[in-house]
Protein backbone atom coordinates (compact mmCIF):
# COMPACT_ATOMS: atom_id res chain seq x y z
CA UNK A 1 94.90 13.68 -132.84
CA UNK A 2 96.28 16.42 -135.06
CA UNK A 3 95.24 18.02 -138.32
CA UNK A 4 94.86 15.67 -141.29
CA UNK A 5 96.67 12.69 -139.72
CA UNK A 6 99.62 14.85 -138.65
CA UNK A 7 100.89 15.84 -135.20
CA UNK A 8 100.16 19.52 -135.86
CA UNK A 9 97.82 21.19 -133.32
CA UNK A 10 97.61 18.01 -131.23
CA UNK A 11 98.06 17.62 -127.49
CA UNK A 12 100.92 15.27 -128.38
CA UNK A 13 102.75 18.04 -130.25
CA UNK A 14 102.20 20.50 -127.40
CA UNK A 15 103.55 18.06 -124.80
CA UNK A 16 106.71 17.40 -126.84
CA UNK A 17 107.25 21.09 -127.58
CA UNK A 18 106.85 22.11 -123.92
CA UNK A 19 108.53 18.99 -122.51
CA UNK A 20 105.45 18.37 -120.36
CA UNK A 21 105.08 14.87 -118.84
CA UNK A 22 102.07 12.89 -120.04
CA UNK A 23 99.96 10.18 -118.46
CA UNK A 24 98.28 7.93 -121.02
CA UNK A 25 94.66 7.23 -120.03
CA UNK A 26 93.54 3.97 -121.62
CA UNK A 27 89.94 2.84 -122.07
CA UNK A 28 90.08 -0.82 -121.06
CA UNK A 29 86.45 -1.70 -121.69
CA UNK A 30 86.54 -5.22 -123.15
CA UNK A 31 90.35 -5.30 -123.09
CA UNK A 32 92.88 -7.45 -121.19
CA UNK A 33 96.31 -8.49 -122.52
CA UNK A 34 95.88 -6.42 -125.69
CA UNK A 35 96.42 -3.39 -123.43
CA UNK A 36 100.11 -4.21 -123.59
CA UNK A 37 100.16 -3.88 -127.36
CA UNK A 38 98.39 -0.53 -127.18
CA UNK A 39 100.77 0.86 -124.56
CA UNK A 40 103.83 -0.38 -126.43
CA UNK A 41 102.45 1.12 -129.63
CA UNK A 42 102.11 4.57 -128.06
CA UNK A 43 105.57 4.35 -126.51
CA UNK A 44 107.32 3.25 -129.71
CA UNK A 45 105.27 5.10 -132.36
CA UNK A 46 107.05 8.46 -132.08
CA UNK A 47 109.23 10.39 -129.64
CA UNK A 48 106.91 11.25 -126.76
CA UNK A 49 106.62 12.50 -123.18
CA UNK A 50 104.57 9.57 -121.84
CA UNK A 51 105.66 8.87 -118.26
CA UNK A 52 102.83 6.72 -117.01
CA UNK A 53 99.48 5.02 -117.58
CA UNK A 54 96.02 5.12 -115.99
CA UNK A 55 93.55 2.38 -116.89
CA UNK A 56 89.91 3.46 -117.28
CA UNK A 57 86.84 1.21 -117.00
CA UNK A 58 88.97 -1.63 -115.66
CA UNK A 59 87.90 -4.68 -113.66
CA UNK A 60 89.78 -4.54 -110.35
CA UNK A 61 90.66 -8.23 -110.66
CA UNK A 62 92.69 -7.54 -113.79
CA UNK A 63 94.66 -4.60 -112.39
CA UNK A 64 97.49 -6.63 -110.76
CA UNK A 65 98.27 -8.26 -114.10
CA UNK A 66 98.37 -4.90 -115.86
CA UNK A 67 100.72 -3.61 -113.17
CA UNK A 68 103.11 -6.43 -114.06
CA UNK A 69 102.66 -5.59 -117.74
CA UNK A 70 103.60 -1.94 -117.10
CA UNK A 71 106.67 -3.04 -115.15
CA UNK A 72 107.80 -5.19 -118.08
CA UNK A 73 107.42 -2.17 -120.38
CA UNK A 74 109.25 0.06 -117.89
CA UNK A 75 106.36 2.48 -117.65
CA UNK A 76 104.84 3.57 -114.35
CA UNK A 77 101.25 2.69 -113.55
CA UNK A 78 99.34 5.45 -111.76
CA UNK A 79 96.28 3.37 -110.96
CA UNK A 80 92.92 2.65 -112.49
CA UNK A 81 89.26 3.69 -112.56
CA UNK A 82 86.75 0.84 -112.30
CA UNK A 83 83.58 0.61 -114.33
CA UNK A 84 81.11 3.04 -112.70
CA UNK A 85 77.87 3.20 -114.67
CA UNK A 86 76.32 5.44 -112.00
CA UNK A 87 78.70 8.30 -112.84
CA UNK A 88 79.00 7.74 -116.59
CA UNK A 89 78.29 10.66 -118.92
CA UNK A 90 76.93 9.34 -122.20
CA UNK A 91 77.32 10.81 -125.67
CA UNK A 92 74.46 12.63 -127.35
CA UNK A 93 73.84 12.72 -131.07
CA UNK A 94 76.97 14.72 -132.00
CA UNK A 95 79.04 15.20 -128.86
CA UNK A 96 79.16 14.92 -125.08
CA UNK A 97 76.39 16.01 -122.77
CA UNK A 98 77.09 19.47 -121.33
CA UNK A 99 77.29 20.06 -117.57
CA UNK A 100 74.18 22.25 -117.64
CA UNK A 101 72.16 19.17 -118.67
CA UNK A 102 73.29 16.97 -115.75
CA UNK A 103 71.18 17.75 -112.69
CA UNK A 104 73.20 15.57 -110.30
CA UNK A 105 76.65 16.42 -111.68
CA UNK A 106 78.10 17.46 -108.32
CA UNK A 107 76.98 14.20 -106.69
CA UNK A 108 78.47 12.20 -109.56
CA UNK A 109 81.77 14.06 -109.28
CA UNK A 110 81.91 13.48 -105.53
CA UNK A 111 81.24 9.77 -105.98
CA UNK A 112 83.88 9.55 -108.69
CA UNK A 113 86.41 11.46 -106.55
CA UNK A 114 85.82 9.16 -103.58
CA UNK A 115 86.58 6.12 -105.71
CA UNK A 116 89.55 7.76 -107.46
CA UNK A 117 91.18 8.50 -104.09
CA UNK A 118 91.27 4.75 -103.48
CA UNK A 119 92.33 3.52 -106.92
CA UNK A 120 94.63 6.25 -108.26
CA UNK A 121 98.12 7.19 -107.11
CA UNK A 122 97.16 10.83 -106.46
CA UNK A 123 100.45 11.70 -104.75
CA UNK A 124 102.41 10.21 -107.62
CA UNK A 125 100.38 12.16 -110.18
CA UNK A 126 101.00 15.41 -108.29
CA UNK A 127 104.74 14.72 -108.10
CA UNK A 128 104.84 14.04 -111.84
CA UNK A 129 103.04 17.31 -112.50
CA UNK A 130 105.59 19.15 -110.35
CA UNK A 131 108.39 17.74 -112.51
CA UNK A 132 107.17 19.73 -115.53
CA UNK A 133 109.61 22.47 -116.44
CA UNK A 134 108.68 26.11 -115.98
CA UNK A 135 107.37 27.64 -119.19
CA UNK A 136 108.54 31.10 -120.12
CA UNK A 137 106.16 33.24 -122.12
CA UNK A 138 105.54 36.83 -123.04
CA UNK A 139 102.07 38.02 -121.99
CA UNK A 140 99.88 39.27 -124.82
CA UNK A 141 99.17 42.96 -124.96
CA UNK A 142 95.38 43.21 -124.74
CA UNK A 143 94.09 46.70 -125.58
CA UNK A 144 91.39 48.30 -123.47
CA UNK A 145 88.65 49.33 -125.92
CA UNK A 146 85.94 50.75 -123.66
CA UNK A 147 82.86 49.84 -121.67
CA UNK A 148 80.20 47.72 -123.38
CA UNK A 149 77.41 45.50 -122.03
CA UNK A 150 77.37 42.24 -124.02
CA UNK A 151 74.70 39.53 -123.69
CA UNK A 152 75.72 35.87 -124.07
CA UNK A 153 73.14 33.12 -124.59
CA UNK A 154 73.39 30.32 -122.05
CA UNK A 155 70.97 27.46 -121.40
CA UNK A 156 70.50 23.84 -122.48
CA UNK A 157 70.10 24.86 -126.12
CA UNK A 158 73.08 27.25 -126.15
CA UNK A 159 75.80 25.89 -123.90
CA UNK A 160 78.98 25.65 -126.00
CA UNK A 161 81.42 28.54 -125.93
CA UNK A 162 85.08 29.31 -125.28
CA UNK A 163 85.70 30.82 -121.86
CA UNK A 164 88.78 32.43 -123.46
CA UNK A 165 86.47 34.58 -125.59
CA UNK A 166 84.53 35.89 -122.59
CA UNK A 167 87.71 36.58 -120.61
CA UNK A 168 89.28 38.44 -123.54
CA UNK A 169 86.22 40.64 -124.04
CA UNK A 170 86.22 41.43 -120.32
CA UNK A 171 89.88 42.50 -120.52
CA UNK A 172 88.91 44.83 -123.35
CA UNK A 173 86.22 46.41 -121.19
CA UNK A 174 83.11 44.27 -121.64
CA UNK A 175 80.50 43.62 -119.00
CA UNK A 176 79.16 40.15 -119.83
CA UNK A 177 75.60 39.20 -118.91
CA UNK A 178 73.88 35.90 -119.72
CA UNK A 179 70.34 35.14 -120.79
CA UNK A 180 68.25 32.11 -121.77
CA UNK A 181 66.62 32.04 -125.22
CA UNK A 182 64.51 29.17 -123.88
CA UNK A 183 63.18 30.74 -120.68
CA UNK A 184 63.72 34.52 -120.56
CA UNK A 185 61.04 36.69 -122.13
CA UNK A 186 63.44 39.07 -123.86
CA UNK A 187 67.07 40.12 -124.07
CA UNK A 188 68.71 41.86 -121.09
CA UNK A 189 68.20 45.61 -120.98
CA UNK A 190 70.67 48.19 -122.29
CA UNK A 191 72.94 45.79 -124.15
CA UNK A 192 75.56 47.01 -126.62
CA UNK A 193 76.35 43.63 -128.17
CA UNK A 194 74.92 40.13 -128.53
CA UNK A 195 76.57 36.69 -128.77
CA UNK A 196 74.48 33.61 -129.64
CA UNK A 197 76.69 30.65 -128.73
CA UNK A 198 76.99 27.10 -129.97
CA UNK A 199 74.82 24.28 -128.65
CA UNK A 200 71.89 22.06 -129.58
CA UNK A 201 68.85 24.16 -130.59
CA UNK A 202 67.58 21.30 -132.74
CA UNK A 203 66.94 19.32 -129.55
CA UNK A 204 64.90 22.13 -128.01
CA UNK A 205 63.28 23.64 -131.11
CA UNK A 206 59.76 23.38 -129.70
CA UNK A 207 60.64 25.26 -126.50
CA UNK A 208 62.55 27.92 -128.44
CA UNK A 209 59.64 28.41 -130.87
CA UNK A 210 57.13 28.79 -128.03
CA UNK A 211 59.15 31.67 -126.57
CA UNK A 212 57.87 34.12 -129.18
CA UNK A 213 58.72 37.23 -127.18
CA UNK A 214 62.40 36.25 -127.12
CA UNK A 215 62.36 35.51 -130.86
CA UNK A 216 60.97 39.01 -131.47
CA UNK A 217 63.47 40.55 -129.07
CA UNK A 218 66.42 38.93 -130.86
CA UNK A 219 65.04 39.82 -134.30
CA UNK A 220 64.57 43.45 -133.27
CA UNK A 221 68.05 43.64 -131.73
CA UNK A 222 69.84 42.27 -134.79
CA UNK A 223 67.80 44.32 -137.27
CA UNK A 224 68.31 47.49 -135.23
CA UNK A 225 72.06 47.11 -135.67
CA UNK A 226 73.21 45.77 -132.30
CA UNK A 227 76.56 44.05 -133.08
CA UNK A 228 75.79 40.33 -133.12
CA UNK A 229 77.88 37.17 -133.31
CA UNK A 230 75.87 34.00 -133.99
CA UNK A 231 78.00 30.86 -134.26
CA UNK A 232 76.65 27.45 -135.25
CA UNK A 233 73.62 27.00 -132.92
CA UNK A 234 73.19 30.76 -132.77
CA UNK A 235 73.24 30.89 -136.56
CA UNK A 236 70.58 28.17 -136.69
CA UNK A 237 68.42 30.14 -134.26
CA UNK A 238 68.45 33.21 -136.53
CA UNK A 239 66.80 31.37 -139.45
CA UNK A 240 63.18 31.73 -140.54
CA UNK A 241 62.64 28.10 -139.55
CA UNK A 242 64.53 25.13 -138.16
CA UNK A 243 63.76 21.41 -138.20
CA UNK A 244 64.17 19.52 -134.94
CA UNK A 245 65.83 16.10 -134.68
CA UNK A 246 62.52 14.36 -135.54
CA UNK A 247 62.02 16.38 -138.73
CA UNK A 248 59.37 18.83 -137.46
CA UNK A 249 59.82 22.46 -138.58
CA UNK A 250 59.55 25.34 -136.11
CA UNK A 251 59.56 29.09 -136.58
CA UNK A 252 62.72 30.82 -135.36
CA UNK A 253 63.97 34.42 -135.12
CA UNK A 254 63.63 35.20 -138.83
CA UNK A 255 66.84 37.19 -139.34
CA UNK A 256 68.31 34.74 -141.88
CA UNK A 257 65.98 34.27 -144.84
CA UNK A 258 66.09 30.47 -145.04
CA UNK A 259 65.60 27.21 -143.20
CA UNK A 260 67.96 25.02 -141.20
CA UNK A 261 67.62 21.26 -141.61
CA UNK A 262 69.44 18.01 -140.90
CA UNK A 263 71.50 16.97 -143.90
CA UNK A 264 71.34 13.53 -145.51
CA UNK A 265 74.91 13.86 -146.79
CA UNK A 266 78.18 14.35 -144.87
CA UNK A 267 78.87 17.95 -143.83
CA UNK A 268 82.31 19.56 -144.02
CA UNK A 269 83.54 19.04 -140.45
CA UNK A 270 87.03 19.81 -139.16
CA UNK A 271 89.69 22.50 -139.13
CA UNK A 272 89.42 25.28 -141.72
CA UNK A 273 90.81 28.72 -142.46
CA UNK A 274 88.35 31.53 -143.13
CA UNK A 275 89.17 34.48 -145.38
CA UNK A 276 86.93 37.53 -145.30
CA UNK A 277 85.57 38.60 -148.69
CA UNK A 278 84.20 41.86 -147.29
CA UNK A 279 84.81 44.32 -144.48
CA UNK A 280 82.41 43.24 -141.72
CA UNK A 281 81.80 43.09 -137.97
CA UNK A 282 84.93 41.05 -137.25
CA UNK A 283 87.49 41.66 -139.98
CA UNK A 284 88.51 43.88 -142.84
CA UNK A 285 88.43 42.47 -146.36
CA UNK A 286 91.19 39.86 -146.71
CA UNK A 287 91.41 39.19 -142.97
CA UNK A 288 91.96 35.57 -141.93
CA UNK A 289 91.50 33.30 -138.95
CA UNK A 290 91.69 29.57 -138.23
CA UNK A 291 88.67 27.76 -136.88
CA UNK A 292 86.59 24.61 -137.29
CA UNK A 293 83.13 23.42 -138.25
CA UNK A 294 81.30 20.59 -136.53
CA UNK A 295 77.64 20.18 -137.35
CA UNK A 296 75.12 17.78 -138.86
CA UNK A 297 72.71 20.52 -139.95
CA UNK A 298 72.74 22.59 -143.14
CA UNK A 299 71.25 25.92 -144.18
CA UNK A 300 69.50 27.04 -147.36
CA UNK A 301 71.36 30.33 -146.84
CA UNK A 302 74.89 29.54 -145.58
CA UNK A 303 76.15 32.95 -146.68
CA UNK A 304 79.03 33.98 -148.93
CA UNK A 305 80.95 36.79 -147.22
CA UNK A 306 83.82 34.48 -146.20
CA UNK A 307 85.73 31.78 -148.09
CA UNK A 308 86.56 28.60 -146.18
CA UNK A 309 89.73 26.74 -147.19
CA UNK A 310 90.62 23.16 -146.30
CA UNK A 311 93.05 20.75 -148.00
CA UNK A 312 92.95 22.63 -151.30
CA UNK A 313 89.15 22.72 -151.29
CA UNK A 314 87.22 25.96 -150.76
CA UNK A 315 83.63 27.11 -150.39
CA UNK A 316 81.67 30.23 -149.51
CA UNK A 317 80.02 30.67 -146.12
CA UNK A 318 78.98 33.16 -143.40
CA UNK A 319 76.30 35.84 -143.44
CA UNK A 320 78.02 39.03 -142.30
CA UNK A 321 77.67 42.80 -142.38
CA UNK A 322 79.15 45.71 -140.41
CA UNK A 323 76.99 44.57 -137.47
CA UNK A 324 76.64 40.79 -137.96
CA UNK A 325 78.64 37.54 -138.07
CA UNK A 326 76.39 34.50 -138.52
CA UNK A 327 77.56 31.07 -139.66
CA UNK A 328 78.40 27.50 -138.70
CA UNK A 329 82.15 27.99 -138.00
CA UNK A 330 83.02 28.60 -134.36
CA UNK A 331 85.20 31.48 -133.16
CA UNK A 332 88.24 31.53 -130.93
CA UNK A 333 89.37 35.14 -130.69
CA UNK A 334 93.00 34.29 -129.98
CA UNK A 335 93.43 32.98 -133.53
CA UNK A 336 93.12 36.64 -134.57
CA UNK A 337 92.62 39.11 -131.72
CA UNK A 338 91.62 41.80 -134.22
CA UNK A 339 88.20 40.10 -134.35
CA UNK A 340 87.53 40.71 -130.66
CA UNK A 341 88.85 44.26 -130.86
CA UNK A 342 86.77 45.12 -133.92
CA UNK A 343 83.66 43.58 -132.35
CA UNK A 344 84.23 45.54 -129.14
CA UNK A 345 84.75 48.82 -131.00
CA UNK A 346 81.40 48.28 -132.73
CA UNK A 347 79.77 47.64 -129.34
CA UNK A 348 81.36 50.69 -127.70
CA UNK A 349 80.16 53.15 -130.36
């Protein structure tokens, strides 16, 4: 789906623009003949690159009939995936479970792959992929900024991040090390920068609060001026206190003078544009970048150093300074590479 019921920024738009063939994966749980209406709807709704269909969670007995249905619609069927509760990955309270939380992930993937080899037309899928046209592009010029040792949070509480961001920082000269706010006693030694990633700290608030030495270490690092990015979960972690999903409050790092709590009213979720009201760690005054918010928690101190804009509406957000970016919106450095460069220059100093 695209932005605001449009095709913009959707996988559909990208496939049409790049002329990349698409296989429609349909969830057939509780569905039989109505699958035909859904397929026909996708094929006729707008100009598209759909070249085939895969049926997910399908009873094997129904598959022959759906093959006939695809033939009548002149669309190729690339197989199906049966219902496999033993390999299912269930939703959590706001999104999917992360791989770090699934102890037997490899075994599940192997079991799924073994079944897929029998029920999917793997050779056909590969041939379709080979038919995609070659894409010409001009590589981005990534400046080398200098050497800097940057610590990234990574554990069950902080497990959401863009790999693109890490790779870009490495190209600029960063050495990236990871640490666990839940289990490590303190931050890695000799770091020049700190990134507290997205995740689910509200689900592990008790464990985070018990690790007092790490809370002190993070507080000391931020207050001493180590350049710090804290997005969404990381922002929550920096508060004086945070309520867990049962409503119990726990002491956190104490950098942000406020509390983080689950809201009883809908939060502004979705794509936004952020405009910097000050010169700070990531941007000069007036700098912009596109991003999104997705959270069910709110802060008594959301900040005011950026203005968020969405569909004609606007609001203040983000706690920032020359050494800090802390707020709910997530970051993808490629929306404005100046953010990564400015962050790195602060770390290299």
